[in-house]
Amino acid sequence: QAYAILTLCRALYTCRHGAQVSKRQAALWAIETYPQWASLITQALAWRIALDDAVDPAPTMPQTTDFVQFAVAQIAPASPTRQGAG
């Protein structure tokens, strides 16, 4: 989950600013830019630093899934052809 969250933070930053930064820098920017996701992103940073295999992913999976959907929507907003799909 940490990998997905931090990679999407970097993608969001790149799409907004046209430049790549480290995942940490992008995460810190995303925390400020998207405060509704601050807790999840902060946890992802902690998981990455700790590299803790003992972290139970189940409690945060729904929020991580929601963040992935949010980030994808920010990166690739629905085009007219996609809006009618599904």
PDB file of N, CA and C in Angstrom:
ATOM      1  N   GLN A   1       0.814  -1.192   0.000  1.00  0.00           N
ATOM      2  CA  GLN A   1       0.000   0.000   0.000  1.00  0.00           C
ATOM      3  C   GLN A   1       0.859   1.258   0.000  1.00  0.00           C
ATOM      4  N   ALA A   2       1.924   1.256   0.774  1.00  0.00           N
ATOM      5  CA  ALA A   2       2.779   2.442   0.839  1.00  0.00           C
ATOM      6  C   ALA A   2       3.332   2.767  -0.550  1.00  0.00           C
ATOM      7  N   TYR A   3       3.767   1.747  -1.263  1.00  0.00           N
ATOM      8  CA  TYR A   3       4.310   1.957  -2.609  1.00  0.00           C
ATOM      9  C   TYR A   3       3.265   2.626  -3.508  1.00  0.00           C
ATOM     10  N   ALA A   4       2.055   2.109  -3.503  1.00  0.00           N
ATOM     11  CA  ALA A   4       0.994   2.662  -4.350  1.00  0.00           C
ATOM     12  C   ALA A   4       0.669   4.101  -3.962  1.00  0.00           C
ATOM     13  N   ILE A   5       0.523   4.343  -2.679  1.00  0.00           N
ATOM     14  CA  ILE A   5       0.164   5.684  -2.198  1.00  0.00           C
ATOM     15  C   ILE A   5       1.246   6.696  -2.567  1.00  0.00           C
ATOM     16  N   LEU A   6       2.492   6.360  -2.279  1.00  0.00           N
ATOM     17  CA  LEU A   6       3.578   7.307  -2.530  1.00  0.00           C
ATOM     18  C   LEU A   6       3.845   7.495  -4.022  1.00  0.00           C
ATOM     19  N   THR A   7       3.683   6.432  -4.797  1.00  0.00           N
ATOM     20  CA  THR A   7       3.842   6.560  -6.244  1.00  0.00           C
ATOM     21  C   THR A   7       2.759   7.475  -6.818  1.00  0.00           C
ATOM     22  N   LEU A   8       1.548   7.341  -6.323  1.00  0.00           N
ATOM     23  CA  LEU A   8       0.477   8.214  -6.804  1.00  0.00           C
ATOM     24  C   LEU A   8       0.664   9.657  -6.355  1.00  0.00           C
ATOM     25  N   CYS A   9       1.233   9.860  -5.184  1.00  0.00           N
ATOM     26  CA  CYS A   9       1.565  11.228  -4.768  1.00  0.00           C
ATOM     27  C   CYS A   9       2.547  11.848  -5.760  1.00  0.00           C
ATOM     28  N   ARG A  10       3.529  11.061  -6.163  1.00  0.00           N
ATOM     29  CA  ARG A  10       4.511  11.548  -7.135  1.00  0.00           C
ATOM     30  C   ARG A  10       3.845  11.832  -8.486  1.00  0.00           C
ATOM     31  N   ALA A  11       2.954  10.961  -8.899  1.00  0.00           N
ATOM     32  CA  ALA A  11       2.250  11.177 -10.164  1.00  0.00           C
ATOM     33  C   ALA A  11       1.381  12.433 -10.102  1.00  0.00           C
ATOM     34  N   LEU A  12       0.691  12.628  -8.989  1.00  0.00           N
ATOM     35  CA  LEU A  12      -0.129  13.839  -8.829  1.00  0.00           C
ATOM     36  C   LEU A  12       0.738  15.092  -8.909  1.00  0.00           C
ATOM     37  N   TYR A  13       1.875  15.066  -8.219  1.00  0.00           N
ATOM     38  CA  TYR A  13       2.787  16.207  -8.247  1.00  0.00           C
ATOM     39  C   TYR A  13       3.283  16.463  -9.670  1.00  0.00           C
ATOM     40  N   THR A  14       3.696  15.410 -10.341  1.00  0.00           N
ATOM     41  CA  THR A  14       4.224  15.549 -11.702  1.00  0.00           C
ATOM     42  C   THR A  14       3.177  16.119 -12.644  1.00  0.00           C
ATOM     43  N   CYS A  15       1.949  15.642 -12.529  1.00  0.00           N
ATOM     44  CA  CYS A  15       0.880  16.156 -13.394  1.00  0.00           C
ATOM     45  C   CYS A  15       0.589  17.624 -13.097  1.00  0.00           C
ATOM     46  N   ARG A  16       0.660  18.007 -11.860  1.00  0.00           N
ATOM     47  CA  ARG A  16       0.366  19.395 -11.481  1.00  0.00           C
ATOM     48  C   ARG A  16       1.504  20.341 -11.823  1.00  0.00           C
ATOM     49  N   HIS A  17       2.764  19.884 -11.632  1.00  0.00           N
ATOM     50  CA  HIS A  17       3.907  20.792 -11.762  1.00  0.00           C
ATOM     51  C   HIS A  17       4.802  20.517 -12.965  1.00  0.00           C
ATOM     52  N   GLY A  18       4.604  19.388 -13.633  1.00  0.00           N
ATOM     53  CA  GLY A  18       5.420  19.083 -14.804  1.00  0.00           C
ATOM     54  C   GLY A  18       6.856  18.726 -14.472  1.00  0.00           C
ATOM     55  N   ALA A  19       7.107  18.344 -13.241  1.00  0.00           N
ATOM     56  CA  ALA A  19       8.456  17.963 -12.823  1.00  0.00           C
ATOM     57  C   ALA A  19       8.356  16.811 -11.842  1.00  0.00           C
ATOM     58  N   GLN A  20       9.400  15.978 -11.807  1.00  0.00           N
ATOM     59  CA  GLN A  20       9.424  14.876 -10.857  1.00  0.00           C
ATOM     60  C   GLN A  20      10.236  15.262  -9.632  1.00  0.00           C
ATOM     61  N   VAL A  21       9.756  14.839  -8.493  1.00  0.00           N
ATOM     62  CA  VAL A  21      10.481  14.996  -7.238  1.00  0.00           C
ATOM     63  C   VAL A  21      10.491  13.632  -6.560  1.00  0.00           C
ATOM     64  N   SER A  22      11.166  13.544  -5.444  1.00  0.00           N
ATOM     65  CA  SER A  22      11.191  12.275  -4.711  1.00  0.00           C
ATOM     66  C   SER A  22       9.791  11.946  -4.201  1.00  0.00           C
ATOM     67  N   LYS A  23       9.590  10.683  -3.875  1.00  0.00           N
ATOM     68  CA  LYS A  23       8.295  10.288  -3.323  1.00  0.00           C
ATOM     69  C   LYS A  23       8.032  11.022  -2.014  1.00  0.00           C
ATOM     70  N   ARG A  24       9.061  11.194  -1.204  1.00  0.00           N
ATOM     71  CA  ARG A  24       8.890  11.915   0.065  1.00  0.00           C
ATOM     72  C   ARG A  24       8.459  13.356  -0.185  1.00  0.00           C
ATOM     73  N   GLN A  25       9.141  14.047  -1.087  1.00  0.00           N
ATOM     74  CA  GLN A  25       8.769  15.433  -1.397  1.00  0.00           C
ATOM     75  C   GLN A  25       7.346  15.502  -1.940  1.00  0.00           C
ATOM     76  N   ALA A  26       7.002  14.586  -2.818  1.00  0.00           N
ATOM     77  CA  ALA A  26       5.663  14.563  -3.388  1.00  0.00           C
ATOM     78  C   ALA A  26       4.623  14.271  -2.311  1.00  0.00           C
ATOM     79  N   ALA A  27       4.945  13.372  -1.391  1.00  0.00           N
ATOM     80  CA  ALA A  27       4.012  13.048  -0.308  1.00  0.00           C
ATOM     81  C   ALA A  27       3.794  14.263   0.591  1.00  0.00           C
ATOM     82  N   LEU A  28       4.853  14.970   0.926  1.00  0.00           N
ATOM     83  CA  LEU A  28       4.713  16.164   1.767  1.00  0.00           C
ATOM     84  C   LEU A  28       3.872  17.226   1.062  1.00  0.00           C
ATOM     85  N   TRP A  29       4.070  17.369  -0.238  1.00  0.00           N
ATOM     86  CA  TRP A  29       3.242  18.294  -1.016  1.00  0.00           C
ATOM     87  C   TRP A  29       1.787  17.837  -1.009  1.00  0.00           C
ATOM     88  N   ALA A  30       1.559  16.547  -1.212  1.00  0.00           N
ATOM     89  CA  ALA A  30       0.193  16.015  -1.261  1.00  0.00           C
ATOM     90  C   ALA A  30      -0.517  16.177   0.084  1.00  0.00           C
ATOM     91  N   ILE A  31       0.209  16.042   1.177  1.00  0.00           N
ATOM     92  CA  ILE A  31      -0.377  16.236   2.499  1.00  0.00           C
ATOM     93  C   ILE A  31      -0.934  17.648   2.626  1.00  0.00           C
ATOM     94  N   GLU A  32      -0.205  18.609   2.122  1.00  0.00           N
ATOM     95  CA  GLU A  32      -0.654  20.005   2.164  1.00  0.00           C
ATOM     96  C   GLU A  32      -1.766  20.284   1.155  1.00  0.00           C
ATOM     97  N   THR A  33      -1.661  19.688  -0.009  1.00  0.00           N
ATOM     98  CA  THR A  33      -2.590  19.954  -1.097  1.00  0.00           C
ATOM     99  C   THR A  33      -3.919  19.226  -0.921  1.00  0.00           C
ATOM    100  N   TYR A  34      -3.862  18.040  -0.384  1.00  0.00           N
ATOM    101  CA  TYR A  34      -5.048  17.197  -0.203  1.00  0.00           C
ATOM    102  C   TYR A  34      -5.162  16.787   1.269  1.00  0.00           C
ATOM    103  N   PRO A  35      -5.527  17.708   2.141  1.00  0.00           N
ATOM    104  CA  PRO A  35      -5.544  17.399   3.583  1.00  0.00           C
ATOM    105  C   PRO A  35      -6.472  16.252   3.957  1.00  0.00           C
ATOM    106  N   GLN A  36      -7.459  15.978   3.133  1.00  0.00           N
ATOM    107  CA  GLN A  36      -8.360  14.863   3.427  1.00  0.00           C
ATOM    108  C   GLN A  36      -7.632  13.516   3.366  1.00  0.00           C
ATOM    109  N   TRP A  37      -6.480  13.471   2.738  1.00  0.00           N
ATOM    110  CA  TRP A  37      -5.687  12.243   2.626  1.00  0.00           C
ATOM    111  C   TRP A  37      -4.424  12.294   3.486  1.00  0.00           C
ATOM    112  N   ALA A  38      -4.258  13.336   4.277  1.00  0.00           N
ATOM    113  CA  ALA A  38      -3.023  13.542   5.037  1.00  0.00           C
ATOM    114  C   ALA A  38      -2.686  12.367   5.950  1.00  0.00           C
ATOM    115  N   SER A  39      -3.667  11.836   6.639  1.00  0.00           N
ATOM    116  CA  SER A  39      -3.412  10.740   7.565  1.00  0.00           C
ATOM    117  C   SER A  39      -2.904   9.501   6.837  1.00  0.00           C
ATOM    118  N   LEU A  40      -3.550   9.149   5.751  1.00  0.00           N
ATOM    119  CA  LEU A  40      -3.144   7.976   4.982  1.00  0.00           C
ATOM    120  C   LEU A  40      -1.743   8.149   4.405  1.00  0.00           C
ATOM    121  N   ILE A  41      -1.461   9.316   3.860  1.00  0.00           N
ATOM    122  CA  ILE A  41      -0.145   9.570   3.261  1.00  0.00           C
ATOM    123  C   ILE A  41       0.935   9.566   4.333  1.00  0.00           C
ATOM    124  N   THR A  42       0.632  10.141   5.483  1.00  0.00           N
ATOM    125  CA  THR A  42       1.581  10.136   6.599  1.00  0.00           C
ATOM    126  C   THR A  42       1.882   8.703   7.037  1.00  0.00           C
ATOM    127  N   GLN A  43       0.836   7.864   7.095  1.00  0.00           N
ATOM    128  CA  GLN A  43       1.050   6.447   7.423  1.00  0.00           C
ATOM    129  C   GLN A  43       1.930   5.777   6.382  1.00  0.00           C
ATOM    130  N   ALA A  44       1.704   6.073   5.117  1.00  0.00           N
ATOM    131  CA  ALA A  44       2.513   5.468   4.052  1.00  0.00           C
ATOM    132  C   ALA A  44       3.981   5.850   4.202  1.00  0.00           C
ATOM    133  N   LEU A  45       4.253   7.104   4.549  1.00  0.00           N
ATOM    134  CA  LEU A  45       5.638   7.525   4.781  1.00  0.00           C
ATOM    135  C   LEU A  45       6.248   6.746   5.943  1.00  0.00           C
ATOM    136  N   ALA A  46       5.487   6.573   7.005  1.00  0.00           N
ATOM    137  CA  ALA A  46       5.986   5.830   8.165  1.00  0.00           C
ATOM    138  C   ALA A  46       6.243   4.369   7.812  1.00  0.00           C
ATOM    139  N   TRP A  47       5.333   3.756   7.048  1.00  0.00           N
ATOM    140  CA  TRP A  47       5.516   2.365   6.638  1.00  0.00           C
ATOM    141  C   TRP A  47       6.777   2.214   5.801  1.00  0.00           C
ATOM    142  N   ARG A  48       6.990   3.173   4.926  1.00  0.00           N
ATOM    143  CA  ARG A  48       8.156   3.097   4.033  1.00  0.00           C
ATOM    144  C   ARG A  48       9.454   3.203   4.823  1.00  0.00           C
ATOM    145  N   ILE A  49       9.472   4.099   5.793  1.00  0.00           N
ATOM    146  CA  ILE A  49      10.674   4.279   6.612  1.00  0.00           C
ATOM    147  C   ILE A  49      10.927   3.042   7.465  1.00  0.00           C
ATOM    148  N   ALA A  50       9.861   2.513   8.058  1.00  0.00           N
ATOM    149  CA  ALA A  50       9.998   1.369   8.952  1.00  0.00           C
ATOM    150  C   ALA A  50      10.244   0.078   8.194  1.00  0.00           C
ATOM    151  N   LEU A  51       9.773   0.018   6.951  1.00  0.00           N
ATOM    152  CA  LEU A  51       9.830  -1.225   6.178  1.00  0.00           C
ATOM    153  C   LEU A  51       9.322  -2.389   7.030  1.00  0.00           C
ATOM    154  N   ASP A  52       8.209  -2.131   7.685  1.00  0.00           N
ATOM    155  CA  ASP A  52       7.671  -3.061   8.667  1.00  0.00           C
ATOM    156  C   ASP A  52       6.741  -4.069   8.017  1.00  0.00           C
ATOM    157  N   ASP A  53       7.188  -5.314   7.927  1.00  0.00           N
ATOM    158  CA  ASP A  53       6.369  -6.378   7.365  1.00  0.00           C
ATOM    159  C   ASP A  53       5.233  -6.773   8.308  1.00  0.00           C
ATOM    160  N   ALA A  54       5.322  -6.331   9.560  1.00  0.00           N
ATOM    161  CA  ALA A  54       4.306  -6.702  10.544  1.00  0.00           C
ATOM    162  C   ALA A  54       3.060  -5.819  10.457  1.00  0.00           C
ATOM    163  N   VAL A  55       3.082  -4.807   9.606  1.00  0.00           N
ATOM    164  CA  VAL A  55       1.924  -3.925   9.456  1.00  0.00           C
ATOM    165  C   VAL A  55       0.787  -4.711   8.810  1.00  0.00           C
ATOM    166  N   ASP A  56      -0.367  -4.670   9.455  1.00  0.00           N
ATOM    167  CA  ASP A  56      -1.547  -5.357   8.919  1.00  0.00           C
ATOM    168  C   ASP A  56      -2.200  -4.439   7.881  1.00  0.00           C
ATOM    169  N   PRO A  57      -2.223  -4.832   6.615  1.00  0.00           N
ATOM    170  CA  PRO A  57      -2.759  -3.959   5.573  1.00  0.00           C
ATOM    171  C   PRO A  57      -4.282  -3.893   5.541  1.00  0.00           C
ATOM    172  N   ALA A  58      -4.954  -4.826   6.170  1.00  0.00           N
ATOM    173  CA  ALA A  58      -6.416  -4.899   6.065  1.00  0.00           C
ATOM    174  C   ALA A  58      -7.143  -3.631   6.534  1.00  0.00           C
ATOM    175  N   PRO A  59      -6.781  -3.045   7.667  1.00  0.00           N
ATOM    176  CA  PRO A  59      -7.552  -1.882   8.131  1.00  0.00           C
ATOM    177  C   PRO A  59      -7.503  -0.667   7.196  1.00  0.00           C
ATOM    178  N   THR A  60      -6.407  -0.508   6.479  1.00  0.00           N
ATOM    179  CA  THR A  60      -6.274   0.669   5.615  1.00  0.00           C
ATOM    180  C   THR A  60      -6.567   0.386   4.146  1.00  0.00           C
ATOM    181  N   MET A  61      -6.839  -0.857   3.801  1.00  0.00           N
ATOM    182  CA  MET A  61      -7.081  -1.189   2.393  1.00  0.00           C
ATOM    183  C   MET A  61      -8.243  -0.398   1.788  1.00  0.00           C
ATOM    184  N   PRO A  62      -9.390  -0.261   2.458  1.00  0.00           N
ATOM    185  CA  PRO A  62     -10.482   0.508   1.856  1.00  0.00           C
ATOM    186  C   PRO A  62     -10.089   1.971   1.592  1.00  0.00           C
ATOM    187  N   GLN A  63      -9.388   2.590   2.541  1.00  0.00           N
ATOM    188  CA  GLN A  63      -8.977   3.978   2.354  1.00  0.00           C
ATOM    189  C   GLN A  63      -7.931   4.086   1.247  1.00  0.00           C
ATOM    190  N   THR A  64      -7.041   3.112   1.175  1.00  0.00           N
ATOM    191  CA  THR A  64      -6.040   3.108   0.109  1.00  0.00           C
ATOM    192  C   THR A  64      -6.722   2.978  -1.252  1.00  0.00           C
ATOM    193  N   THR A  65      -7.697   2.107  -1.342  1.00  0.00           N
ATOM    194  CA  THR A  65      -8.450   1.945  -2.589  1.00  0.00           C
ATOM    195  C   THR A  65      -9.150   3.246  -2.966  1.00  0.00           C
ATOM    196  N   ASP A  66      -9.731   3.912  -1.990  1.00  0.00           N
ATOM    197  CA  ASP A  66     -10.376   5.209  -2.247  1.00  0.00           C
ATOM    198  C   ASP A  66      -9.368   6.239  -2.725  1.00  0.00           C
ATOM    199  N   PHE A  67      -8.175   6.238  -2.130  1.00  0.00           N
ATOM    200  CA  PHE A  67      -7.137   7.184  -2.552  1.00  0.00           C
ATOM    201  C   PHE A  67      -6.687   6.906  -3.978  1.00  0.00           C
ATOM    202  N   VAL A  68      -6.526   5.642  -4.314  1.00  0.00           N
ATOM    203  CA  VAL A  68      -6.135   5.278  -5.684  1.00  0.00           C
ATOM    204  C   VAL A  68      -7.181   5.803  -6.667  1.00  0.00           C
ATOM    205  N   GLN A  69      -8.444   5.585  -6.377  1.00  0.00           N
ATOM    206  CA  GLN A  69      -9.510   6.069  -7.259  1.00  0.00           C
ATOM    207  C   GLN A  69      -9.503   7.590  -7.350  1.00  0.00           C
ATOM    208  N   PHE A  70      -9.292   8.262  -6.226  1.00  0.00           N
ATOM    209  CA  PHE A  70      -9.211   9.721  -6.207  1.00  0.00           C
ATOM    210  C   PHE A  70      -8.060  10.202  -7.085  1.00  0.00           C
ATOM    211  N   ALA A  71      -6.883   9.615  -6.876  1.00  0.00           N
ATOM    212  CA  ALA A  71      -5.701  10.054  -7.624  1.00  0.00           C
ATOM    213  C   ALA A  71      -5.868   9.825  -9.118  1.00  0.00           C
ATOM    214  N   VAL A  72      -6.386   8.678  -9.491  1.00  0.00           N
ATOM    215  CA  VAL A  72      -6.606   8.391 -10.918  1.00  0.00           C
ATOM    216  C   VAL A  72      -7.566   9.416 -11.518  1.00  0.00           C
ATOM    217  N   ALA A  73      -8.601   9.766 -10.793  1.00  0.00           N
ATOM    218  CA  ALA A  73      -9.556  10.764 -11.283  1.00  0.00           C
ATOM    219  C   ALA A  73      -8.892  12.133 -11.446  1.00  0.00           C
ATOM    220  N   GLN A  74      -7.943  12.456 -10.568  1.00  0.00           N
ATOM    221  CA  GLN A  74      -7.231  13.730 -10.675  1.00  0.00           C
ATOM    222  C   GLN A  74      -6.264  13.736 -11.851  1.00  0.00           C
ATOM    223  N   ILE A  75      -5.645  12.594 -12.090  1.00  0.00           N
ATOM    224  CA  ILE A  75      -4.638  12.487 -13.147  1.00  0.00           C
ATOM    225  C   ILE A  75      -5.281  12.386 -14.524  1.00  0.00           C
ATOM    226  N   ALA A  76      -6.352  11.615 -14.632  1.00  0.00           N
ATOM    227  CA  ALA A  76      -7.005  11.390 -15.920  1.00  0.00           C
ATOM    228  C   ALA A  76      -8.504  11.638 -15.767  1.00  0.00           C
ATOM    229  N   PRO A  77      -8.897  12.913 -15.713  1.00  0.00           N
ATOM    230  CA  PRO A  77     -10.334  13.195 -15.576  1.00  0.00           C
ATOM    231  C   PRO A  77     -11.126  12.550 -16.715  1.00  0.00           C
ATOM    232  N   ALA A  78     -12.340  12.203 -16.415  1.00  0.00           N
ATOM    233  CA  ALA A  78     -13.189  11.530 -17.407  1.00  0.00           C
ATOM    234  C   ALA A  78     -13.359  12.396 -18.644  1.00  0.00           C
ATOM    235  N   SER A  79     -13.063  11.804 -19.778  1.00  0.00           N
ATOM    236  CA  SER A  79     -13.291  12.487 -21.047  1.00  0.00           C
ATOM    237  C   SER A  79     -14.730  12.206 -21.473  1.00  0.00           C
ATOM    238  N   PRO A  80     -15.281  12.944 -22.450  1.00  0.00           N
ATOM    239  CA  PRO A  80     -16.648  12.688 -22.886  1.00  0.00           C
ATOM    240  C   PRO A  80     -16.890  11.240 -23.311  1.00  0.00           C
ATOM    241  N   THR A  81     -15.881  10.603 -23.920  1.00  0.00           N
ATOM    242  CA  THR A  81     -16.071   9.229 -24.360  1.00  0.00           C
ATOM    243  C   THR A  81     -16.054   8.268 -23.187  1.00  0.00           C
ATOM    244  N   ARG A  82     -15.325   8.591 -22.124  1.00  0.00           N
ATOM    245  CA  ARG A  82     -15.265   7.716 -20.963  1.00  0.00           C
ATOM    246  C   ARG A  82     -16.460   7.905 -20.060  1.00  0.00           C
ATOM    247  N   GLN A  83     -17.074   9.077 -20.071  1.00  0.00           N
ATOM    248  CA  GLN A  83     -18.207   9.332 -19.189  1.00  0.00           C
ATOM    249  C   GLN A  83     -19.380   8.423 -19.502  1.00  0.00           C
ATOM    250  N   GLY A  84     -19.570   8.097 -20.762  1.00  0.00           N
ATOM    251  CA  GLY A  84     -20.694   7.272 -21.141  1.00  0.00           C
ATOM    252  C   GLY A  84     -20.436   5.793 -20.922  1.00  0.00           C
ATOM    253  N   ALA A  85     -19.193   5.425 -20.665  1.00  0.00           N
ATOM    254  CA  ALA A  85     -18.855   4.011 -20.481  1.00  0.00           C
ATOM    255  C   ALA A  85     -19.324   3.519 -19.119  1.00  0.00           C
ATOM    256  N   GLY A  86     -19.745   2.253 -19.083  1.00  0.00           N
ATOM    257  CA  GLY A  86     -19.999   1.493 -17.898  1.00  0.00           C
ATOM    258  C   GLY A  86     -20.934   2.006 -16.946  1.00  0.00           C
TER     259      GLY A  86
END
